[in-house]
PDB file of N, CA and C in Angstrom:
ATOM      1  N   MET A   1      83.423 138.354  66.013  1.00  0.00           N
ATOM      2  CA  MET A   1      83.893 137.579  66.821  1.00  0.00           C
ATOM      3  C   MET A   1      85.905 137.680  67.511  1.00  0.00           C
ATOM      4  N   GLU A   2      85.817 137.687  68.653  1.00  0.00           N
ATOM      5  CA  GLU A   2      86.981 137.858  69.078  1.00  0.00           C
ATOM      6  C   GLU A   2      87.921 136.355  68.850  1.00  0.00           C
ATOM      7  N   ARG A   3      89.322 136.337  68.675  1.00  0.00           N
ATOM      8  CA  ARG A   3      89.857 135.631  68.686  1.00  0.00           C
ATOM      9  C   ARG A   3      90.956 135.473  69.667  1.00  0.00           C
ATOM     10  N   ARG A   4      91.752 134.326  70.470  1.00  0.00           N
ATOM     11  CA  ARG A   4      92.143 134.407  71.455  1.00  0.00           C
ATOM     12  C   ARG A   4      93.156 133.145  70.779  1.00  0.00           C
ATOM     13  N   SER A   5      94.374 133.087  71.633  1.00  0.00           N
ATOM     14  CA  SER A   5      95.604 132.153  71.133  1.00  0.00           C
ATOM     15  C   SER A   5      95.268 131.016  72.426  1.00  0.00           C
ATOM     16  N   ALA A   6      95.704 129.567  72.130  1.00  0.00           N
ATOM     17  CA  ALA A   6      95.748 129.119  72.816  1.00  0.00           C
ATOM     18  C   ALA A   6      96.815 128.947  73.959  1.00  0.00           C
ATOM     19  N   SER A   7      96.325 128.433  74.999  1.00  0.00           N
ATOM     20  CA  SER A   7      97.089 128.657  76.241  1.00  0.00           C
ATOM     21  C   SER A   7      98.101 127.315  75.892  1.00  0.00           C
ATOM     22  N   GLY A   8      99.201 127.186  76.554  1.00  0.00           N
ATOM     23  CA  GLY A   8     100.123 126.356  76.440  1.00  0.00           C
ATOM     24  C   GLY A   8      99.559 124.615  77.212  1.00  0.00           C
ATOM     25  N   LEU A   9      98.905 125.028  77.969  1.00  0.00           N
ATOM     26  CA  LEU A   9      97.737 123.519  79.053  1.00  0.00           C
ATOM     27  C   LEU A   9      97.059 123.169  77.524  1.00  0.00           C
ATOM     28  N   GLU A  10      96.225 123.861  77.002  1.00  0.00           N
ATOM     29  CA  GLU A  10      95.400 123.607  75.775  1.00  0.00           C
ATOM     30  C   GLU A  10      96.375 123.037  74.274  1.00  0.00           C
ATOM     31  N   ILE A  11      97.458 123.667  74.135  1.00  0.00           N
ATOM     32  CA  ILE A  11      98.278 123.081  73.364  1.00  0.00           C
ATOM     33  C   ILE A  11      98.809 121.597  73.685  1.00  0.00           C
ATOM     34  N   LEU A  12      98.946 121.305  74.772  1.00  0.00           N
ATOM     35  CA  LEU A  12      99.700 120.029  75.545  1.00  0.00           C
ATOM     36  C   LEU A  12      98.683 119.187  75.079  1.00  0.00           C
ATOM     37  N   GLY A  13      97.766 119.636  75.750  1.00  0.00           N
ATOM     38  CA  GLY A  13      96.377 118.367  75.880  1.00  0.00           C
ATOM     39  C   GLY A  13      95.750 117.912  74.516  1.00  0.00           C
ATOM     40  N   ALA A  14      95.732 119.006  73.445  1.00  0.00           N
ATOM     41  CA  ALA A  14      95.889 118.697  72.162  1.00  0.00           C
ATOM     42  C   ALA A  14      96.566 117.493  71.630  1.00  0.00           C
ATOM     43  N   MET A  15      98.046 117.894  72.052  1.00  0.00           N
ATOM     44  CA  MET A  15      98.771 117.084  71.288  1.00  0.00           C
ATOM     45  C   MET A  15      99.244 115.925  71.827  1.00  0.00           C
ATOM     46  N   LEU A  16      98.431 115.455  73.411  1.00  0.00           N
ATOM     47  CA  LEU A  16      98.611 114.373  74.158  1.00  0.00           C
ATOM     48  C   LEU A  16      97.348 113.404  73.697  1.00  0.00           C
ATOM     49  N   LEU A  17      95.679 114.219  73.216  1.00  0.00           N
ATOM     50  CA  LEU A  17      95.096 113.229  72.710  1.00  0.00           C
ATOM     51  C   LEU A  17      95.212 113.282  71.461  1.00  0.00           C
ATOM     52  N   GLY A  18      96.339 113.775  70.650  1.00  0.00           N
ATOM     53  CA  GLY A  18      96.282 113.822  69.167  1.00  0.00           C
ATOM     54  C   GLY A  18      97.381 112.239  69.300  1.00  0.00           C
ATOM     55  N   ALA A  19      98.172 112.463  70.025  1.00  0.00           N
ATOM     56  CA  ALA A  19      98.977 111.189  70.086  1.00  0.00           C
ATOM     57  C   ALA A  19      98.345 109.394  70.437  1.00  0.00           C
ATOM     58  N   ALA A  20      97.574 109.730  71.563  1.00  0.00           N
ATOM     59  CA  ALA A  20      97.038 108.880  72.074  1.00  0.00           C
ATOM     60  C   ALA A  20      96.186 108.031  71.149  1.00  0.00           C
ATOM     61  N   GLY A  21      95.347 109.108  69.817  1.00  0.00           N
ATOM     62  CA  GLY A  21      94.568 108.704  69.106  1.00  0.00           C
ATOM     63  C   GLY A  21      95.267 107.998  67.950  1.00  0.00           C
ATOM     64  N   GLY A  22      96.089 108.318  67.943  1.00  0.00           N
ATOM     65  CA  GLY A  22      97.361 108.164  66.613  1.00  0.00           C
ATOM     66  C   GLY A  22      97.992 106.642  67.027  1.00  0.00           C
ATOM     67  N   PHE A  23      98.011 106.620  68.077  1.00  0.00           N
ATOM     68  CA  PHE A  23      98.489 105.209  68.807  1.00  0.00           C
ATOM     69  C   PHE A  23      97.340 104.201  69.027  1.00  0.00           C
ATOM     70  N   ALA A  24      96.039 104.540  69.354  1.00  0.00           N
ATOM     71  CA  ALA A  24      94.908 103.978  69.254  1.00  0.00           C
ATOM     72  C   ALA A  24      94.305 102.920  67.785  1.00  0.00           C
ATOM     73  N   LEU A  25      94.476 104.420  66.710  1.00  0.00           N
ATOM     74  CA  LEU A  25      94.082 103.764  65.383  1.00  0.00           C
ATOM     75  C   LEU A  25      94.997 103.077  65.063  1.00  0.00           C
ATOM     76  N   GLY A  26      96.471 103.384  65.088  1.00  0.00           N
ATOM     77  CA  GLY A  26      97.411 102.572  64.968  1.00  0.00           C
ATOM     78  C   GLY A  26      97.133 101.122  65.300  1.00  0.00           C
ATOM     79  N   LEU A  27      96.907 100.931  66.274  1.00  0.00           N
ATOM     80  CA  LEU A  27      97.018  99.595  66.873  1.00  0.00           C
ATOM     81  C   LEU A  27      95.645  98.870  66.444  1.00  0.00           C
ATOM     82  N   LEU A  28      94.534  99.519  66.323  1.00  0.00           N
ATOM     83  CA  LEU A  28      93.282  98.954  65.422  1.00  0.00           C
ATOM     84  C   LEU A  28      93.376  99.083  64.166  1.00  0.00           C
ATOM     85  N   LEU A  29      94.527  99.441  63.466  1.00  0.00           N
ATOM     86  CA  LEU A  29      94.757  99.090  61.474  1.00  0.00           C
ATOM     87  C   LEU A  29      95.793  98.131  61.649  1.00  0.00           C
ATOM     88  N   ALA A  30      96.622  97.883  62.308  1.00  0.00           N
ATOM     89  CA  ALA A  30      97.803  96.738  62.408  1.00  0.00           C
ATOM     90  C   ALA A  30      97.594  95.791  63.610  1.00  0.00           C
ATOM     91  N   PRO A  31      96.723  94.897  63.493  1.00  0.00           N
ATOM     92  CA  PRO A  31      96.973  93.860  64.544  1.00  0.00           C
ATOM     93  C   PRO A  31      97.810  92.957  64.647  1.00  0.00           C
ATOM     94  N   GLN A  32      98.567  92.689  65.769  1.00  0.00           N
ATOM     95  CA  GLN A  32      99.475  91.801  65.998  1.00  0.00           C
ATOM     96  C   GLN A  32      99.256  91.026  67.236  1.00  0.00           C
ATOM     97  N   SER A  33     100.088  90.182  67.824  1.00  0.00           N
ATOM     98  CA  SER A  33     100.409  89.861  68.536  1.00  0.00           C
ATOM     99  C   SER A  33     100.334  90.530  70.120  1.00  0.00           C
ATOM    100  N   GLY A  34      99.417  90.171  71.371  1.00  0.00           N
ATOM    101  CA  GLY A  34      99.522  90.694  72.517  1.00  0.00           C
ATOM    102  C   GLY A  34     100.922  91.115  73.060  1.00  0.00           C
ATOM    103  N   SER A  35     101.936  90.167  73.226  1.00  0.00           N
ATOM    104  CA  SER A  35     103.351  90.385  73.411  1.00  0.00           C
ATOM    105  C   SER A  35     103.426  91.914  72.628  1.00  0.00           C
ATOM    106  N   ARG A  36     103.706  91.766  71.313  1.00  0.00           N
ATOM    107  CA  ARG A  36     104.056  92.904  70.706  1.00  0.00           C
ATOM    108  C   ARG A  36     103.578  94.197  70.739  1.00  0.00           C
ATOM    109  N   THR A  37     102.082  94.065  70.711  1.00  0.00           N
ATOM    110  CA  THR A  37     101.211  95.151  71.367  1.00  0.00           C
ATOM    111  C   THR A  37     101.503  95.824  72.707  1.00  0.00           C
ATOM    112  N   ARG A  38     101.890  95.048  73.587  1.00  0.00           N
ATOM    113  CA  ARG A  38     102.277  95.679  75.157  1.00  0.00           C
ATOM    114  C   ARG A  38     103.422  96.703  75.119  1.00  0.00           C
ATOM    115  N   GLU A  39     104.405  95.813  73.999  1.00  0.00           N
ATOM    116  CA  GLU A  39     106.075  96.103  73.835  1.00  0.00           C
ATOM    117  C   GLU A  39     105.741  97.982  73.098  1.00  0.00           C
ATOM    118  N   GLN A  40     104.719  97.487  71.757  1.00  0.00           N
ATOM    119  CA  GLN A  40     104.306  98.998  71.749  1.00  0.00           C
ATOM    120  C   GLN A  40     103.615  99.899  72.070  1.00  0.00           C
ATOM    121  N   LEU A  41     103.062  99.744  73.116  1.00  0.00           N
ATOM    122  CA  LEU A  41     101.994 100.896  73.962  1.00  0.00           C
ATOM    123  C   LEU A  41     102.774 101.181  74.799  1.00  0.00           C
ATOM    124  N   ALA A  42     103.848 100.163  75.663  1.00  0.00           N
ATOM    125  CA  ALA A  42     104.788 100.910  75.990  1.00  0.00           C
ATOM    126  C   ALA A  42     106.271 101.790  76.108  1.00  0.00           C
ATOM    127  N   GLU A  43     106.485 101.656  74.703  1.00  0.00           N
ATOM    128  CA  GLU A  43     107.860 102.057  74.486  1.00  0.00           C
ATOM    129  C   GLU A  43     106.952 103.678  73.867  1.00  0.00           C
ATOM    130  N   ASN A  44     105.709 103.814  73.423  1.00  0.00           N
ATOM    131  CA  ASN A  44     104.959 105.104  72.590  1.00  0.00           C
ATOM    132  C   ASN A  44     104.508 105.746  74.292  1.00  0.00           C
ATOM    133  N   LEU A  45     104.095 105.319  74.928  1.00  0.00           N
ATOM    134  CA  LEU A  45     103.641 105.655  76.493  1.00  0.00           C
ATOM    135  C   LEU A  45     104.700 106.480  76.832  1.00  0.00           C
ATOM    136  N   GLY A  46     106.059 105.797  76.939  1.00  0.00           N
ATOM    137  CA  GLY A  46     107.143 106.508  77.375  1.00  0.00           C
ATOM    138  C   GLY A  46     107.308 107.552  76.035  1.00  0.00           C
ATOM    139  N   ASP A  47     107.495 107.767  74.997  1.00  0.00           N
ATOM    140  CA  ASP A  47     107.965 108.484  74.244  1.00  0.00           C
ATOM    141  C   ASP A  47     106.842 109.508  74.235  1.00  0.00           C
ATOM    142  N   VAL A  48     104.971 109.586  74.433  1.00  0.00           N
ATOM    143  CA  VAL A  48     104.550 110.758  74.195  1.00  0.00           C
ATOM    144  C   VAL A  48     104.897 111.126  76.038  1.00  0.00           C
ATOM    145  N   SER A  49     105.185 110.099  76.983  1.00  0.00           N
ATOM    146  CA  SER A  49     105.797 111.429  78.495  1.00  0.00           C
ATOM    147  C   SER A  49     106.567 111.985  78.481  1.00  0.00           C
ATOM    148  N   LEU A  50     107.769 111.826  77.472  1.00  0.00           N
ATOM    149  CA  LEU A  50     108.698 112.722  77.198  1.00  0.00           C
ATOM    150  C   LEU A  50     108.662 113.935  76.654  1.00  0.00           C
ATOM    151  N   ARG A  51     107.291 113.859  75.071  1.00  0.00           N
ATOM    152  CA  ARG A  51     107.517 115.038  74.868  1.00  0.00           C
ATOM    153  C   ARG A  51     106.577 115.668  75.399  1.00  0.00           C
ATOM    154  N   ALA A  52     105.590 115.380  76.165  1.00  0.00           N
ATOM    155  CA  ALA A  52     104.845 115.783  77.478  1.00  0.00           C
ATOM    156  C   ALA A  52     105.651 116.226  78.287  1.00  0.00           C
ATOM    157  N   SER A  53     106.457 116.195  78.942  1.00  0.00           N
ATOM    158  CA  SER A  53     107.599 116.912  79.815  1.00  0.00           C
ATOM    159  C   SER A  53     108.291 117.689  79.361  1.00  0.00           C
ATOM    160  N   GLU A  54     109.036 117.780  78.110  1.00  0.00           N
ATOM    161  CA  GLU A  54     109.534 118.976  76.899  1.00  0.00           C
ATOM    162  C   GLU A  54     108.844 120.089  77.052  1.00  0.00           C
ATOM    163  N   LEU A  55     107.677 119.304  76.378  1.00  0.00           N
ATOM    164  CA  LEU A  55     106.669 120.343  76.201  1.00  0.00           C
ATOM    165  C   LEU A  55     106.109 121.602  77.488  1.00  0.00           C
ATOM    166  N   ALA A  56     105.891 120.823  78.395  1.00  0.00           N
ATOM    167  CA  ALA A  56     105.926 121.414  79.438  1.00  0.00           C
ATOM    168  C   ALA A  56     107.010 122.423  79.649  1.00  0.00           C
ATOM    169  N   GLU A  57     108.001 122.240  79.656  1.00  0.00           N
ATOM    170  CA  GLU A  57     109.777 122.347  80.198  1.00  0.00           C
ATOM    171  C   GLU A  57     109.313 123.579  79.406  1.00  0.00           C
ATOM    172  N   ASN A  58     109.361 123.554  78.052  1.00  0.00           N
ATOM    173  CA  ASN A  58     108.931 124.778  76.984  1.00  0.00           C
ATOM    174  C   ASN A  58     108.143 125.783  77.567  1.00  0.00           C
ATOM    175  N   VAL A  59     106.939 124.937  77.446  1.00  0.00           N
ATOM    176  CA  VAL A  59     106.015 126.072  78.107  1.00  0.00           C
ATOM    177  C   VAL A  59     106.372 126.981  79.430  1.00  0.00           C
ATOM    178  N   LYS A  60     106.886 126.383  80.529  1.00  0.00           N
ATOM    179  CA  LYS A  60     107.338 126.831  81.322  1.00  0.00           C
ATOM    180  C   LYS A  60     108.384 128.146  81.317  1.00  0.00           C
ATOM    181  N   GLY A  61     109.618 127.873  80.465  1.00  0.00           N
ATOM    182  CA  GLY A  61     110.722 128.719  80.411  1.00  0.00           C
ATOM    183  C   GLY A  61     110.047 129.883  79.774  1.00  0.00           C
ATOM    184  N   ASN A  62     109.270 129.666  78.605  1.00  0.00           N
ATOM    185  CA  ASN A  62     108.510 130.801  77.510  1.00  0.00           C
ATOM    186  C   ASN A  62     107.586 131.472  78.990  1.00  0.00           C
ATOM    187  N   THR A  63     106.774 130.987  79.784  1.00  0.00           N
ATOM    188  CA  THR A  63     105.829 131.920  80.732  1.00  0.00           C
ATOM    189  C   THR A  63     106.898 132.641  81.341  1.00  0.00           C
ATOM    190  N   GLU A  64     108.186 131.965  82.189  1.00  0.00           N
ATOM    191  CA  GLU A  64     108.855 132.775  83.019  1.00  0.00           C
ATOM    192  C   GLU A  64     109.707 133.500  82.454  1.00  0.00           C
ATOM    193  N   SER A  65     109.512 133.651  81.088  1.00  0.00           N
ATOM    194  CA  SER A  65     110.387 134.759  79.853  1.00  0.00           C
ATOM    195  C   SER A  65     109.279 135.814  80.057  1.00  0.00           C
ATOM    196  N   LEU A  66     108.314 135.544  79.575  1.00  0.00           N
ATOM    197  CA  LEU A  66     107.063 136.695  79.245  1.00  0.00           C
ATOM    198  C   LEU A  66     106.717 137.081  80.465  1.00  0.00           C
ATOM    199  N   ILE A  67     107.031 136.420  81.740  1.00  0.00           N
ATOM    200  CA  ILE A  67     106.764 137.375  83.630  1.00  0.00           C
ATOM    201  C   ILE A  67     107.874 138.171  83.819  1.00  0.00           C
ATOM    202  N   ASN A  68     108.971 137.728  82.844  1.00  0.00           N
ATOM    203  CA  ASN A  68     110.249 138.584  83.238  1.00  0.00           C
ATOM    204  C   ASN A  68     110.464 139.900  82.953  1.00  0.00           C
ATOM    205  N   THR A  69     109.911 139.681  81.076  1.00  0.00           N
ATOM    206  CA  THR A  69     109.838 140.945  80.117  1.00  0.00           C
ATOM    207  C   THR A  69     108.959 142.047  80.467  1.00  0.00           C
ATOM    208  N   THR A  70     107.664 141.323  81.410  1.00  0.00           N
ATOM    209  CA  THR A  70     106.574 142.239  81.205  1.00  0.00           C
ATOM    210  C   THR A  70     107.073 143.215  82.796  1.00  0.00           C
ATOM    211  N   ARG A  71     107.338 142.235  84.102  1.00  0.00           N
ATOM    212  CA  ARG A  71     108.345 142.786  85.139  1.00  0.00           C
ATOM    213  C   ARG A  71     108.758 144.110  84.425  1.00  0.00           C
ATOM    214  N   THR A  72     110.021 143.675  83.767  1.00  0.00           N
ATOM    215  CA  THR A  72     110.878 144.599  83.379  1.00  0.00           C
ATOM    216  C   THR A  72     110.167 145.874  82.718  1.00  0.00           C
ATOM    217  N   THR A  73     109.132 145.692  81.837  1.00  0.00           N
ATOM    218  CA  THR A  73     108.699 146.634  80.872  1.00  0.00           C
ATOM    219  C   THR A  73     107.986 147.723  81.903  1.00  0.00           C
ATOM    220  N   ILE A  74     106.792 147.301  83.051  1.00  0.00           N
ATOM    221  CA  ILE A  74     106.116 147.659  83.989  1.00  0.00           C
ATOM    222  C   ILE A  74     107.028 148.582  85.042  1.00  0.00           C
ATOM    223  N   GLU A  75     108.304 148.216  85.374  1.00  0.00           N
ATOM    224  CA  GLU A  75     109.086 148.829  86.119  1.00  0.00           C
ATOM    225  C   GLU A  75     109.494 149.939  85.543  1.00  0.00           C
ATOM    226  N   GLU A  76     109.597 150.265  84.403  1.00  0.00           N
ATOM    227  CA  GLU A  76     110.347 150.965  83.184  1.00  0.00           C
ATOM    228  C   GLU A  76     109.431 152.233  83.186  1.00  0.00           C
ATOM    229  N   LYS A  77     108.279 151.794  82.639  1.00  0.00           N
ATOM    230  CA  LYS A  77     107.068 152.591  82.720  1.00  0.00           C
ATOM    231  C   LYS A  77     106.849 153.485  83.904  1.00  0.00           C
ATOM    232  N   LEU A  78     106.917 152.372  85.152  1.00  0.00           N
ATOM    233  CA  LEU A  78     106.551 153.190  86.373  1.00  0.00           C
ATOM    234  C   LEU A  78     107.402 154.066  86.939  1.00  0.00           C
ATOM    235  N   ASN A  79     108.767 154.073  86.263  1.00  0.00           N
ATOM    236  CA  ASN A  79     109.667 154.470  86.641  1.00  0.00           C
ATOM    237  C   ASN A  79     109.686 156.044  85.397  1.00  0.00           C
ATOM    238  N   LEU A  80     109.454 156.095  84.274  1.00  0.00           N
ATOM    239  CA  LEU A  80     109.083 157.040  83.472  1.00  0.00           C
ATOM    240  C   LEU A  80     107.928 158.021  84.174  1.00  0.00           C
ATOM    241  N   LEU A  81     106.840 157.343  84.782  1.00  0.00           N
ATOM    242  CA  LEU A  81     105.841 157.575  85.212  1.00  0.00           C
ATOM    243  C   LEU A  81     106.128 158.761  86.142  1.00  0.00           C
ATOM    244  N   SER A  82     106.678 158.188  86.868  1.00  0.00           N
ATOM    245  CA  SER A  82     107.138 158.757  88.272  1.00  0.00           C
ATOM    246  C   SER A  82     108.296 160.098  87.924  1.00  0.00           C
ATOM    247  N   GLU A  83     108.492 159.955  87.285  1.00  0.00           N
ATOM    248  CA  GLU A  83     109.998 160.926  86.413  1.00  0.00           C
ATOM    249  C   GLU A  83     108.990 161.969  85.989  1.00  0.00           C
ATOM    250  N   ALA A  84     107.653 162.068  85.136  1.00  0.00           N
ATOM    251  CA  ALA A  84     106.803 162.611  84.365  1.00  0.00           C
ATOM    252  C   ALA A  84     106.101 163.514  85.540  1.00  0.00           C
ATOM    253  N   VAL A  85     105.780 162.808  87.051  1.00  0.00           N
ATOM    254  CA  VAL A  85     105.196 163.368  87.851  1.00  0.00           C
ATOM    255  C   VAL A  85     105.721 164.182  88.509  1.00  0.00           C
ATOM    256  N   GLU A  86     107.141 164.062  88.830  1.00  0.00           N
ATOM    257  CA  GLU A  86     108.027 164.646  89.798  1.00  0.00           C
ATOM    258  C   GLU A  86     108.472 166.222  88.415  1.00  0.00           C
ATOM    259  N   ALA A  87     108.290 165.778  87.320  1.00  0.00           N
ATOM    260  CA  ALA A  87     108.784 167.019  86.397  1.00  0.00           C
ATOM    261  C   ALA A  87     107.523 168.099  86.760  1.00  0.00           C
ATOM    262  N   GLY A  88     105.958 167.331  86.678  1.00  0.00           N
ATOM    263  CA  GLY A  88     104.808 168.130  86.754  1.00  0.00           C
ATOM    264  C   GLY A  88     104.704 169.011  88.139  1.00  0.00           C
ATOM    265  N   ARG A  89     105.533 168.426  88.581  1.00  0.00           N
ATOM    266  CA  ARG A  89     105.082 169.062  90.129  1.00  0.00           C
ATOM    267  C   ARG A  89     106.596 170.006  90.343  1.00  0.00           C
ATOM    268  N   LYS A  90     107.325 169.704  90.072  1.00  0.00           N
ATOM    269  CA  LYS A  90     108.647 171.282  89.916  1.00  0.00           C
ATOM    270  C   LYS A  90     107.884 172.190  88.823  1.00  0.00           C
ATOM    271  N   ALA A  91     107.445 171.982  87.478  1.00  0.00           N
ATOM    272  CA  ALA A  91     106.723 173.264  87.240  1.00  0.00           C
ATOM    273  C   ALA A  91     105.771 173.611  87.179  1.00  0.00           C
ATOM    274  N   ALA A  92     104.725 173.185  88.389  1.00  0.00           N
ATOM    275  CA  ALA A  92     103.553 173.738  88.924  1.00  0.00           C
ATOM    276  C   ALA A  92     104.424 174.366  90.176  1.00  0.00           C
ATOM    277  N   ALA A  93     105.263 174.118  90.597  1.00  0.00           N
ATOM    278  CA  ALA A  93     105.826 174.894  91.768  1.00  0.00           C
ATOM    279  C   ALA A  93     106.467 176.155  91.351  1.00  0.00           C
ATOM    280  N   TYR A  94     107.041 175.797  90.334  1.00  0.00           N
ATOM    281  CA  TYR A  94     107.708 176.963  89.428  1.00  0.00           C
ATOM    282  C   TYR A  94     106.971 178.321  89.040  1.00  0.00           C
ATOM    283  N   LYS A  95     105.875 177.532  88.594  1.00  0.00           N
ATOM    284  CA  LYS A  95     104.700 178.526  88.186  1.00  0.00           C
ATOM    285  C   LYS A  95     104.308 179.293  89.103  1.00  0.00           C
ATOM    286  N   ARG A  96     103.749 178.407  89.961  1.00  0.00           N
ATOM    287  CA  ARG A  96     102.897 178.925  91.131  1.00  0.00           C
ATOM    288  C   ARG A  96     104.048 180.473  91.752  1.00  0.00           C
ATOM    289  N   GLU A  97     105.198 179.923  92.081  1.00  0.00           N
ATOM    290  CA  GLU A  97     106.003 181.044  92.083  1.00  0.00           C
ATOM    291  C   GLU A  97     106.192 181.949  91.555  1.00  0.00           C
ATOM    292  N   GLU A  98     106.160 181.767  90.188  1.00  0.00           N
ATOM    293  CA  GLU A  98     106.127 183.293  89.368  1.00  0.00           C
ATOM    294  C   GLU A  98     104.914 183.578  89.074  1.00  0.00           C
ATOM    295  N   LEU A  99     103.567 183.091  89.675  1.00  0.00           N
ATOM    296  CA  LEU A  99     102.345 183.733  90.015  1.00  0.00           C
ATOM    297  C   LEU A  99     102.658 184.866  90.687  1.00  0.00           C
ATOM    298  N   ILE A 100     102.997 183.841  91.927  1.00  0.00           N
ATOM    299  CA  ILE A 100     103.056 184.687  93.255  1.00  0.00           C
ATOM    300  C   ILE A 100     103.680 185.950  93.452  1.00  0.00           C
ATOM    301  N   GLU A 101     104.973 186.188  92.705  1.00  0.00           N
ATOM    302  CA  GLU A 101     105.593 187.286  92.340  1.00  0.00           C
ATOM    303  C   GLU A 101     105.332 188.224  91.659  1.00  0.00           C
ATOM    304  N   GLY A 102     104.484 187.801  90.704  1.00  0.00           N
ATOM    305  CA  GLY A 102     103.560 188.750  89.540  1.00  0.00           C
ATOM    306  C   GLY A 102     102.723 189.443  90.127  1.00  0.00           C
ATOM    307  N   GLU A 103     101.920 188.856  91.417  1.00  0.00           N
ATOM    308  CA  GLU A 103     100.814 189.454  91.882  1.00  0.00           C
ATOM    309  C   GLU A 103     101.145 190.618  92.914  1.00  0.00           C
ATOM    310  N   GLU A 104     102.344 190.458  93.263  1.00  0.00           N
ATOM    311  CA  GLU A 104     103.161 191.607  94.583  1.00  0.00           C
ATOM    312  C   GLU A 104     102.670 193.068  93.788  1.00  0.00           C
ATOM    313  N   PRO A 105     102.052 194.103  94.686  1.00  0.00           N
ATOM    314  CA  PRO A 105     102.813 195.205  94.076  1.00  0.00           C
ATOM    315  C   PRO A 105     104.188 195.693  93.783  1.00  0.00           C
ATOM    316  N   SER A 106     104.360 196.922  92.830  1.00  0.00           N
ATOM    317  CA  SER A 106     105.189 197.065  92.440  1.00  0.00           C
ATOM    318  C   SER A 106     105.918 198.138  93.639  1.00  0.00           C
ATOM    319  N   PRO A 107     107.256 198.478  93.462  1.00  0.00           N
ATOM    320  CA  PRO A 107     107.175 199.632  94.729  1.00  0.00           C
ATOM    321  C   PRO A 107     106.721 200.614  94.620  1.00  0.00           C
ATOM    322  N   GLY A 108     106.582 201.572  93.338  1.00  0.00           N
ATOM    323  CA  GLY A 108     105.935 202.588  93.197  1.00  0.00           C
ATOM    324  C   GLY A 108     104.406 202.566  93.220  1.00  0.00           C
ATOM    325  N   GLU A 109     103.913 201.188  93.381  1.00  0.00           N
ATOM    326  CA  GLU A 109     102.257 201.257  93.226  1.00  0.00           C
ATOM    327  C   GLU A 109     101.595 201.683  94.523  1.00  0.00           C
ATOM    328  N   ALA A 110     102.168 200.917  95.833  1.00  0.00           N
ATOM    329  CA  ALA A 110     102.077 200.944  96.818  1.00  0.00           C
ATOM    330  C   ALA A 110     101.875 202.303  97.697  1.00  0.00           C
TER     331      ALA A 110
END
């Protein structure tokens, strides 16, 4: 079976789902007055929102870094490939000239 790594959005979704589930479970297990529950709800939603924003920024930064690294690597490999193709062309032209010169009759044979 093939393993794949989780994307940033999957991780973010799992974290938000876990936070919401934990919060709801906490409210169910520790009943209190409605006003206090609303205060806690507002505080926790603010915390979850802040964490989600921070996570999104981290994912964005990591993605941009990965894209830049990949772009640089591809450019380097394309340059190497281009240099190798040019070297091959020069070597082929040189060898072609050697073969052509080798086919010409020498002055004593004509």
